[in-house]
Amino acid sequence: MVVVAILAAGKGTRMKSNLPKVLHSLGGRSLVERVLNSVETIQPERRIIIVGYQGEEVKSAMQSIPNLEFVEQTVQMGTGHAIQQLLPHLQGYTGDLLVLNGDVPLLRPETMQNLLKIHQDNQNAATILTANLPEPKGYGRVFCNGDNVVEQIVEDKDCNTAQKQNCRINAGIYCFRWQDLAKVLPHLQTNNAQKEYYLTDAVTQVTPVMAVDTEDYQEILGINDRLQLAGAYEILQRRIKENWMAAGVTIIDPSSVTIDETVVLQPDVIIEPQTHLRGNTVIQTGCRIGPGSLIENSEIGENTTIQFSVITDSTVKSGVRIGPYAHLRGHAQVGEGCRIGNFVELKNTTLGSKTNVAHLSYLGDATTGTKVNIGAGTITANYDGFKKHQTIIGDRTGTGSNSVLVAPITLGNDVYIAAGSTVAENIPDDCLVVARAHPVIKPGWVTKKRESQQD
């Protein structure tokens, strides 16, 4: 049995933010969500978040995650004090407690599985995650015997010259046999400059204790400020892109591309430079995305091409060409084989298959049939100042350049709207609509005007 406790009570003052540090986003998920994801494969019996500063905001942000428990640390007096808050909540518990920090978001699930396995296989009282840093200055050093049993933990400032050559540091991730830890927690002291209760003091009071090294020291890097957040994002992006390229995705210029961890890509997708994929986005095989495109919370069908365009909260079927400089938003839905051209905006609009909106048009709150052709500069006037209204366009209907469709309006099948028309009433099937004002022509008007101005 395993209970996971995540420390998330700190202020994070160096972030210079009104948002709690653990709620800052990294690659599409908050820091604390990433920590939770790292222990999913362990399938813990309970998951407890220890909150303090802006605790209600942390709870609110995580309310969609099922089966989470929250324990409040009203006064932040160190890591040991935070774990002391669990004593009344874990009475009678006989399993293991895995302690993580809510601001250490790069841990791999495999690392957590390995830590727990070694802890349980060796029946340790405590097992600590360690890392060999190339530059360990400022970190406490962990000294072990040949079997990785911890013999000593020495703070950096207390290390002698020989001890400072040791690069193994304490990552602050612990697995405890709870019954052993519960016995020593009430006896922790604040004999330190910060006058806080440290969990490392509990480690020295139980036995045996083993160390487990991470293969990649970057996993244990914490986030204390915006610079470290950016550094973690760079590490995460490298992981994500390497994984996708190994899975058959071509990323032409990885340094200019960003991909959220929540994005799903299929083999033979090509990602051009300066492209950014966000949120719950799925891109199917054979697509070419970019250059210069942003896609967020959208599904893109196979063999679709998107250039210099922005797509959010939308669905695009297969074989579609989009861009350059198109904008799809507000749950736009594009059928198979459509063409969305340059400077076209779709908002909450559904296009039937093989429909063309080639250029310079806005369709809002509209639904089209199949094989519709929207001429350049066509606008749906969907907003009357109070409400949005629907435009419905039938199969094989076409609009001429600079047409305005005043919603609510329905155009039947096989309708043609002449260029420059403003249409404000429903049109039946198989019609030509010419809705232009008759021109008023006054010969000689310009000459008379000029003469009058000279008098």
Protein backbone atom coordinates (compact mmCIF):
# COMPACT_ATOMS: atom_id res chain seq x y z
CA MET A 1 0.00 0.00 0.00
CA VAL A 2 1.24 3.48 -0.88
CA VAL A 3 -0.01 6.94 0.06
CA VAL A 4 1.35 9.90 -1.87
CA ALA A 5 1.76 13.28 -0.18
CA ILE A 6 2.61 16.35 -2.26
CA LEU A 7 3.95 19.47 -0.57
CA ALA A 8 2.15 22.47 -2.09
CA ALA A 9 1.82 24.96 0.77
CA GLY A 10 4.61 27.43 0.01
CA LYS A 11 4.21 31.03 -1.15
CA GLY A 12 6.67 30.89 -4.03
CA THR A 13 7.58 34.54 -3.51
CA ARG A 14 10.34 34.47 -6.12
CA MET A 15 7.77 33.80 -8.84
CA LYS A 16 6.53 37.39 -8.30
CA SER A 17 2.97 36.26 -9.01
CA ASN A 18 -0.52 36.30 -7.50
CA LEU A 19 -0.91 32.73 -8.73
CA PRO A 20 0.27 29.98 -6.34
CA LYS A 21 3.56 28.60 -7.60
CA VAL A 22 2.32 25.04 -8.00
CA LEU A 23 -0.44 26.24 -10.36
CA HIS A 24 1.93 27.80 -12.88
CA SER A 25 1.67 26.05 -16.23
CA LEU A 26 4.39 23.95 -17.82
CA GLY A 27 3.66 22.46 -21.23
CA GLY A 28 -0.12 22.49 -20.86
CA ARG A 29 -0.35 21.25 -17.25
CA SER A 30 0.21 22.90 -13.88
CA LEU A 31 3.34 22.03 -11.93
CA VAL A 32 1.40 20.07 -9.32
CA GLU A 33 -0.57 18.18 -11.98
CA ARG A 34 2.74 17.06 -13.46
CA VAL A 35 3.85 15.78 -10.08
CA LEU A 36 0.58 13.83 -9.78
CA ASN A 37 1.10 12.36 -13.24
CA SER A 38 4.52 11.05 -12.23
CA VAL A 39 2.90 8.67 -9.70
CA GLU A 40 -0.06 7.50 -11.80
CA THR A 41 1.54 4.15 -12.66
CA ILE A 42 2.14 3.44 -8.96
CA GLN A 43 -1.63 3.54 -8.41
CA PRO A 44 -1.43 4.91 -4.86
CA GLU A 45 -4.16 4.12 -2.37
CA ARG A 46 -4.54 7.79 -1.49
CA ARG A 47 -3.25 11.07 -2.93
CA ILE A 48 -2.95 13.93 -0.48
CA ILE A 49 -2.08 17.53 -1.35
CA ILE A 50 -0.74 19.57 1.56
CA VAL A 51 -1.87 23.14 0.95
CA GLY A 52 -1.32 26.40 2.77
CA TYR A 53 -0.79 29.72 0.99
CA GLN A 54 -3.83 30.36 -1.25
CA GLY A 55 -4.95 26.82 -0.48
CA GLU A 56 -8.52 27.41 -1.63
CA GLU A 57 -7.27 28.50 -5.04
CA VAL A 58 -5.19 25.34 -5.32
CA LYS A 59 -8.20 23.22 -4.34
CA SER A 60 -10.44 25.00 -6.84
CA ALA A 61 -7.94 24.54 -9.68
CA MET A 62 -7.76 20.80 -9.03
CA GLN A 63 -11.42 20.05 -8.38
CA SER A 64 -11.79 18.23 -11.69
CA ILE A 65 -9.21 15.61 -10.63
CA PRO A 66 -11.03 12.80 -8.82
CA ASN A 67 -10.13 11.25 -5.46
CA LEU A 68 -7.75 13.94 -4.24
CA GLU A 69 -7.50 14.80 -0.55
CA PHE A 70 -6.34 18.11 0.85
CA VAL A 71 -4.66 18.70 4.19
CA GLU A 72 -4.03 22.24 5.37
CA GLN A 73 -0.73 23.50 6.76
CA THR A 74 -1.96 26.79 8.21
CA VAL A 75 1.53 28.00 9.15
CA GLN A 76 4.45 27.04 6.93
CA MET A 77 7.22 25.84 9.24
CA GLY A 78 9.20 23.52 7.01
CA THR A 79 8.88 20.19 5.25
CA GLY A 80 8.85 18.21 8.48
CA HIS A 81 6.05 20.37 9.83
CA ALA A 82 4.06 19.78 6.63
CA ILE A 83 4.28 16.00 7.02
CA GLN A 84 3.37 16.30 10.71
CA GLN A 85 -0.06 17.48 9.51
CA LEU A 86 -0.67 13.96 8.18
CA LEU A 87 -0.51 12.30 11.60
CA PRO A 88 -4.26 12.52 12.37
CA HIS A 89 -5.14 11.53 8.79
CA LEU A 90 -3.00 8.38 8.66
CA GLN A 91 -3.75 6.89 12.04
CA GLY A 92 -3.54 3.10 11.85
CA TYR A 93 -1.97 3.17 8.38
CA THR A 94 0.71 0.49 7.92
CA GLY A 95 1.94 1.08 4.37
CA ASP A 96 4.46 3.41 2.74
CA LEU A 97 4.37 7.18 2.30
CA LEU A 98 5.84 8.73 -0.84
CA VAL A 99 6.65 12.42 -0.33
CA LEU A 100 7.06 14.72 -3.32
CA ASN A 101 7.31 18.46 -3.88
CA GLY A 102 4.66 20.25 -5.89
CA ASP A 103 7.29 22.38 -7.64
CA VAL A 104 9.42 19.50 -9.03
CA PRO A 105 7.54 18.77 -12.27
CA LEU A 106 10.01 16.80 -14.41
CA LEU A 107 9.99 13.47 -12.57
CA ARG A 108 9.43 10.46 -14.81
CA PRO A 109 6.96 7.74 -13.77
CA GLU A 110 9.72 5.16 -14.27
CA THR A 111 11.84 6.93 -11.66
CA MET A 112 9.03 6.84 -9.11
CA GLN A 113 8.36 3.17 -9.81
CA ASN A 114 12.05 2.36 -9.34
CA LEU A 115 12.25 4.32 -6.09
CA LEU A 116 9.25 2.50 -4.64
CA LYS A 117 10.44 -0.93 -5.82
CA ILE A 118 13.87 -0.56 -4.22
CA HIS A 119 12.27 0.76 -1.05
CA GLN A 120 9.90 -2.20 -0.75
CA ASP A 121 12.29 -4.90 -1.98
CA ASN A 122 14.83 -3.90 0.67
CA GLN A 123 12.23 -3.28 3.39
CA ASN A 124 13.78 0.13 4.08
CA ALA A 125 12.56 2.49 6.74
CA ALA A 126 13.28 5.27 4.26
CA THR A 127 14.54 5.57 0.70
CA ILE A 128 15.62 8.90 -0.70
CA LEU A 129 15.93 9.98 -4.30
CA THR A 130 19.37 11.33 -5.11
CA ALA A 131 21.09 12.76 -8.16
CA ASN A 132 24.66 13.33 -9.26
CA LEU A 133 24.88 16.97 -10.22
CA PRO A 134 27.72 18.29 -12.37
CA GLU A 135 27.75 21.40 -10.14
CA PRO A 136 26.43 20.43 -6.69
CA LYS A 137 27.36 23.66 -4.92
CA GLY A 138 24.62 24.72 -2.51
CA TYR A 139 23.11 21.24 -2.16
CA GLY A 140 23.38 18.87 0.77
CA ARG A 141 25.62 15.87 -0.01
CA VAL A 142 24.56 12.26 0.55
CA PHE A 143 27.23 9.75 1.59
CA CYS A 144 26.56 6.02 1.17
CA ASN A 145 28.38 2.71 1.56
CA GLY A 146 28.86 0.28 -1.30
CA ASP A 147 25.28 -0.96 -0.98
CA ASN A 148 23.81 2.55 -1.29
CA VAL A 149 22.88 2.58 2.39
CA VAL A 150 22.94 6.19 3.56
CA GLU A 151 25.59 6.84 6.17
CA GLN A 152 25.54 10.61 6.33
CA ILE A 153 23.84 13.71 4.89
CA VAL A 154 25.94 16.86 5.14
CA GLU A 155 24.77 20.36 4.21
CA ASP A 156 26.93 22.15 1.67
CA LYS A 157 28.10 24.80 4.12
CA ASP A 158 29.25 22.07 6.54
CA CYS A 159 31.20 20.02 3.98
CA ASN A 160 34.98 19.91 4.16
CA THR A 161 37.10 20.07 1.01
CA ALA A 162 37.03 16.30 0.46
CA GLN A 163 33.28 16.04 1.06
CA LYS A 164 32.58 18.77 -1.47
CA GLN A 165 33.98 16.49 -4.19
CA ASN A 166 30.94 14.26 -3.71
CA CYS A 167 28.36 15.16 -6.38
CA ARG A 168 25.50 13.04 -4.99
CA ILE A 169 22.81 15.34 -3.62
CA ASN A 170 19.50 14.90 -1.85
CA ALA A 171 16.62 15.52 -4.28
CA GLY A 172 14.03 16.01 -1.51
CA ILE A 173 11.90 13.07 -2.70
CA TYR A 174 11.35 10.42 -0.03
CA CYS A 175 9.66 7.09 0.49
CA PHE A 176 9.04 6.19 4.16
CA ARG A 177 7.66 3.25 6.00
CA TRP A 178 4.91 5.25 7.62
CA GLN A 179 4.94 3.51 11.01
CA ASP A 180 8.65 4.32 11.44
CA LEU A 181 8.21 7.92 10.31
CA ALA A 182 5.14 8.49 12.53
CA LYS A 183 7.20 7.63 15.60
CA VAL A 184 9.85 10.29 14.97
CA LEU A 185 7.71 13.10 13.49
CA PRO A 186 6.51 14.45 16.89
CA HIS A 187 10.11 14.71 18.09
CA LEU A 188 11.57 16.84 15.28
CA GLN A 189 13.43 19.94 16.47
CA THR A 190 13.93 23.42 15.04
CA ASN A 191 17.63 23.62 15.78
CA ASN A 192 18.49 25.48 12.59
CA ALA A 193 18.82 29.03 11.32
CA GLN A 194 15.34 28.99 9.78
CA LYS A 195 13.70 27.65 12.96
CA GLU A 196 11.82 25.11 10.86
CA TYR A 197 11.10 21.38 11.10
CA TYR A 198 13.06 19.58 8.37
CA LEU A 199 12.07 16.21 6.96
CA THR A 200 15.75 15.38 6.42
CA ASP A 201 16.07 15.22 10.23
CA ALA A 202 13.53 12.40 10.22
CA VAL A 203 15.63 10.53 7.66
CA THR A 204 18.58 10.46 10.06
CA GLN A 205 16.41 9.02 12.84
CA VAL A 206 15.17 5.87 11.09
CA THR A 207 17.07 2.86 9.76
CA PRO A 208 17.87 1.45 7.29
CA VAL A 209 17.91 4.29 4.73
CA MET A 210 18.95 3.80 1.11
CA ALA A 211 19.67 6.21 -1.73
CA VAL A 212 18.43 5.75 -5.30
CA ASP A 213 20.11 7.79 -8.01
CA THR A 214 18.16 9.21 -10.94
CA GLU A 215 19.61 8.46 -14.36
CA ASP A 216 18.90 12.04 -15.44
CA TYR A 217 19.61 14.67 -12.81
CA GLN A 218 17.35 17.16 -14.62
CA GLU A 219 14.34 15.24 -13.33
CA ILE A 220 14.80 16.61 -9.83
CA LEU A 221 15.17 20.28 -10.75
CA GLY A 222 12.74 22.46 -8.81
CA ILE A 223 10.96 25.64 -9.85
CA ASN A 224 11.51 28.73 -7.70
CA ASP A 225 11.38 31.56 -10.24
CA ARG A 226 10.47 32.36 -13.84
CA LEU A 227 13.97 31.62 -15.09
CA GLN A 228 13.82 28.08 -13.70
CA LEU A 229 10.32 27.68 -15.13
CA ALA A 230 11.65 28.57 -18.57
CA GLY A 231 14.56 26.16 -18.12
CA ALA A 232 12.17 23.35 -17.18
CA TYR A 233 10.05 24.12 -20.24
CA GLU A 234 13.11 23.80 -22.46
CA ILE A 235 13.92 20.40 -20.93
CA LEU A 236 10.30 19.25 -21.30
CA GLN A 237 10.13 20.39 -24.91
CA ARG A 238 13.26 18.48 -25.78
CA ARG A 239 11.77 15.32 -24.28
CA ILE A 240 8.44 15.76 -26.05
CA LYS A 241 9.94 16.44 -29.47
CA GLU A 242 12.47 13.63 -29.21
CA ASN A 243 9.66 11.21 -28.35
CA TRP A 244 7.53 12.30 -31.31
CA MET A 245 10.39 12.18 -33.77
CA ALA A 246 11.20 8.65 -32.55
CA ALA A 247 7.52 7.80 -33.20
CA GLY A 248 7.66 8.88 -36.86
CA VAL A 249 6.86 12.61 -36.78
CA THR A 250 9.04 15.00 -38.78
CA ILE A 251 9.89 18.26 -37.01
CA ILE A 252 11.90 20.33 -39.45
CA ASP A 253 13.29 22.88 -36.98
CA PRO A 254 12.72 21.59 -33.42
CA SER A 255 14.20 24.69 -31.77
CA SER A 256 11.44 26.90 -33.24
CA VAL A 257 8.53 24.53 -32.48
CA THR A 258 6.65 24.02 -29.19
CA ILE A 259 4.33 21.10 -28.43
CA ASP A 260 2.27 20.61 -25.28
CA GLU A 261 2.53 17.20 -23.65
CA THR A 262 -1.24 16.84 -24.07
CA VAL A 263 -0.97 16.91 -27.89
CA VAL A 264 -1.32 13.66 -29.87
CA LEU A 265 0.45 13.24 -33.23
CA GLN A 266 0.29 10.34 -35.67
CA PRO A 267 3.19 9.06 -37.82
CA ASP A 268 4.08 10.91 -41.02
CA VAL A 269 2.93 14.27 -39.68
CA ILE A 270 5.29 17.07 -40.74
CA ILE A 271 5.68 20.06 -38.41
CA GLU A 272 7.15 23.11 -40.12
CA PRO A 273 9.16 25.83 -38.31
CA GLN A 274 7.51 28.36 -35.99
CA THR A 275 4.53 26.10 -35.29
CA HIS A 276 2.96 25.75 -31.84
CA LEU A 277 0.60 22.96 -30.79
CA ARG A 278 -1.40 23.45 -27.59
CA GLY A 279 -3.91 21.75 -25.33
CA ASN A 280 -5.95 18.71 -26.34
CA THR A 281 -4.95 18.75 -29.99
CA VAL A 282 -4.91 15.65 -32.22
CA ILE A 283 -3.21 15.71 -35.63
CA GLN A 284 -3.70 12.68 -37.85
CA THR A 285 -1.31 11.07 -40.28
CA GLY A 286 -0.11 12.80 -43.44
CA CYS A 287 -0.73 16.35 -42.23
CA ARG A 288 1.66 19.20 -42.92
CA ILE A 289 1.34 21.88 -40.24
CA GLY A 290 2.98 25.26 -40.64
CA PRO A 291 5.12 27.14 -41.03
CA GLY A 292 3.94 29.79 -38.61
CA SER A 293 0.78 28.13 -37.30
CA LEU A 294 -0.92 27.85 -33.89
CA ILE A 295 -3.34 24.99 -33.19
CA GLU A 296 -5.04 24.66 -29.82
CA ASN A 297 -7.65 22.17 -28.55
CA SER A 298 -8.45 21.05 -32.08
CA GLU A 299 -8.59 17.87 -34.13
CA ILE A 300 -7.03 17.86 -37.59
CA GLY A 301 -7.92 15.07 -40.03
CA GLU A 302 -5.39 13.18 -42.13
CA ASN A 303 -3.63 14.68 -45.16
CA THR A 304 -4.53 18.25 -44.22
CA THR A 305 -2.26 21.21 -44.90
CA ILE A 306 -2.25 24.30 -42.67
CA GLN A 307 -0.03 27.31 -43.37
CA PHE A 308 0.43 30.49 -41.34
CA SER A 309 -2.93 30.05 -39.62
CA VAL A 310 -4.57 29.92 -36.18
CA ILE A 311 -7.05 27.19 -35.23
CA THR A 312 -8.63 26.94 -31.77
CA ASP A 313 -11.40 24.69 -30.39
CA SER A 314 -12.25 23.36 -33.83
CA THR A 315 -12.46 20.18 -35.92
CA VAL A 316 -11.04 19.79 -39.41
CA LYS A 317 -11.71 16.65 -41.46
CA SER A 318 -9.31 14.99 -43.90
CA GLY A 319 -7.85 16.44 -47.08
CA VAL A 320 -8.42 20.09 -46.18
CA ARG A 321 -6.17 23.00 -47.20
CA ILE A 322 -6.08 25.95 -44.82
CA GLY A 323 -4.24 29.25 -45.15
CA PRO A 324 -2.20 31.21 -45.40
CA TYR A 325 -3.54 33.57 -42.72
CA ALA A 326 -6.81 31.86 -41.90
CA HIS A 327 -8.43 31.88 -38.45
CA LEU A 328 -10.79 29.14 -37.24
CA ARG A 329 -12.29 29.52 -33.77
CA GLY A 330 -15.34 28.97 -31.60
CA HIS A 331 -15.98 25.34 -32.56
CA ALA A 332 -15.63 25.65 -36.30
CA GLN A 333 -16.14 22.35 -38.13
CA VAL A 334 -14.69 21.85 -41.58
CA GLY A 335 -15.75 18.92 -43.77
CA GLU A 336 -13.56 16.73 -45.97
CA GLY A 337 -11.82 18.24 -48.96
CA CYS A 338 -12.58 21.87 -48.12
CA ARG A 339 -10.41 24.84 -48.99
CA ILE A 340 -10.07 27.70 -46.47
CA GLY A 341 -7.97 30.42 -48.08
CA ASN A 342 -6.04 33.49 -47.09
CA PHE A 343 -7.60 35.99 -44.68
CA VAL A 344 -10.68 33.88 -44.00
CA GLU A 345 -12.24 33.69 -40.54
CA LEU A 346 -14.66 31.00 -39.41
CA LYS A 347 -16.41 31.28 -36.05
CA ASN A 348 -18.85 28.65 -34.79
CA THR A 349 -19.39 27.58 -38.39
CA THR A 350 -19.86 24.17 -40.02
CA LEU A 351 -18.74 23.66 -43.61
CA GLY A 352 -19.97 20.72 -45.66
CA SER A 353 -17.48 18.65 -47.65
CA LYS A 354 -15.74 20.11 -50.70
CA THR A 355 -16.74 23.65 -49.81
CA ASN A 356 -14.42 26.52 -50.75
CA VAL A 357 -13.97 29.77 -48.85
CA ALA A 358 -11.04 30.97 -50.84
CA HIS A 359 -10.22 34.41 -49.49
CA LEU A 360 -11.17 37.56 -47.59
CA SER A 361 -14.39 36.26 -46.03
CA TYR A 362 -16.02 35.97 -42.59
CA LEU A 363 -18.53 33.25 -41.76
CA GLY A 364 -19.93 33.40 -38.25
CA ASP A 365 -22.67 31.16 -36.84
CA ALA A 366 -23.16 29.61 -40.26
CA THR A 367 -23.84 26.14 -41.66
CA THR A 368 -23.18 25.20 -45.28
CA GLY A 369 -24.03 22.18 -47.35
CA THR A 370 -21.62 20.39 -49.67
CA LYS A 371 -19.77 21.87 -52.63
CA VAL A 372 -20.58 25.44 -51.62
CA ASN A 373 -18.43 28.24 -53.04
CA ILE A 374 -18.06 31.40 -50.97
CA GLY A 375 -16.81 34.28 -53.07
CA ALA A 376 -14.14 36.74 -51.97
CA GLY A 377 -15.31 39.24 -49.38
CA THR A 378 -18.51 37.41 -48.43
CA ILE A 379 -19.70 38.32 -44.92
CA THR A 380 -22.38 36.83 -42.71
CA ALA A 381 -23.87 39.70 -40.72
CA ASN A 382 -24.66 37.48 -37.75
CA TYR A 383 -24.88 39.97 -34.86
CA ASP A 384 -27.66 42.55 -34.48
CA GLY A 385 -26.13 44.22 -31.44
CA PHE A 386 -27.97 41.98 -28.99
CA LYS A 387 -28.03 38.41 -30.30
CA LYS A 388 -26.16 36.15 -32.71
CA HIS A 389 -28.18 34.71 -35.60
CA GLN A 390 -27.75 31.70 -37.89
CA THR A 391 -27.00 31.59 -41.59
CA ILE A 392 -27.84 28.36 -43.45
CA ILE A 393 -26.53 27.79 -46.98
CA GLY A 394 -27.67 24.82 -49.08
CA ASP A 395 -25.69 22.42 -51.28
CA ARG A 396 -23.88 23.75 -54.36
CA THR A 397 -24.81 27.33 -53.57
CA GLY A 398 -22.36 30.11 -54.40
CA THR A 399 -21.92 33.71 -53.36
CA GLY A 400 -20.37 36.38 -55.52
CA SER A 401 -17.64 38.72 -54.33
CA ASN A 402 -18.57 41.24 -51.63
CA SER A 403 -21.86 39.60 -50.73
CA VAL A 404 -23.48 40.27 -47.35
CA LEU A 405 -25.86 37.71 -45.86
CA VAL A 406 -27.94 39.32 -43.12
CA ALA A 407 -28.84 36.68 -40.55
CA PRO A 408 -31.10 35.00 -39.70
CA ILE A 409 -31.27 33.74 -43.26
CA THR A 410 -31.51 30.50 -45.21
CA LEU A 411 -30.29 30.04 -48.79
CA GLY A 412 -31.59 26.95 -50.57
CA ASN A 413 -29.72 24.47 -52.76
CA ASP A 414 -28.24 25.61 -56.09
CA VAL A 415 -28.59 29.32 -55.32
CA TYR A 416 -26.26 31.94 -56.77
CA ILE A 417 -25.84 35.32 -55.12
CA ALA A 418 -24.63 37.95 -57.56
CA ALA A 419 -21.51 39.93 -56.65
CA GLY A 420 -22.10 42.96 -54.46
CA SER A 421 -25.49 41.79 -53.19
CA THR A 422 -26.89 42.31 -49.70
CA VAL A 423 -29.44 39.58 -48.99
CA ALA A 424 -31.75 39.83 -45.99
CA GLU A 425 -34.50 37.28 -46.76
CA ASN A 426 -34.70 33.54 -47.28
CA ILE A 427 -34.04 32.27 -50.81
CA PRO A 428 -35.59 29.10 -52.27
CA ASP A 429 -33.73 26.49 -54.31
CA ASP A 430 -32.40 27.10 -57.82
CA CYS A 431 -32.38 30.90 -57.84
CA LEU A 432 -30.18 33.75 -58.95
CA VAL A 433 -30.27 36.64 -56.49
CA VAL A 434 -29.28 40.15 -57.53
CA ALA A 435 -29.67 42.56 -54.64
CA ARG A 436 -27.96 45.75 -55.69
CA ALA A 437 -29.20 49.33 -55.56
CA HIS A 438 -29.80 50.80 -59.02
CA PRO A 439 -27.01 53.24 -59.84
CA VAL A 440 -27.88 56.94 -60.18
CA ILE A 441 -25.78 58.47 -63.00
CA LYS A 442 -25.62 62.28 -63.47
CA PRO A 443 -23.57 63.29 -66.50
CA GLY A 444 -21.53 66.48 -66.10
CA TRP A 445 -21.91 66.51 -62.29
CA VAL A 446 -18.17 66.73 -61.60
CA THR A 447 -17.62 69.68 -63.95
CA LYS A 448 -20.53 71.61 -62.44
CA LYS A 449 -19.23 70.89 -58.94
CA ARG A 450 -15.79 72.21 -59.76
CA GLU A 451 -17.22 75.33 -61.40
CA SER A 452 -19.39 76.04 -58.36
CA GLN A 453 -16.36 75.81 -56.08
CA GLN A 454 -14.45 78.35 -58.18
CA ASP A 455 -17.13 81.05 -57.87
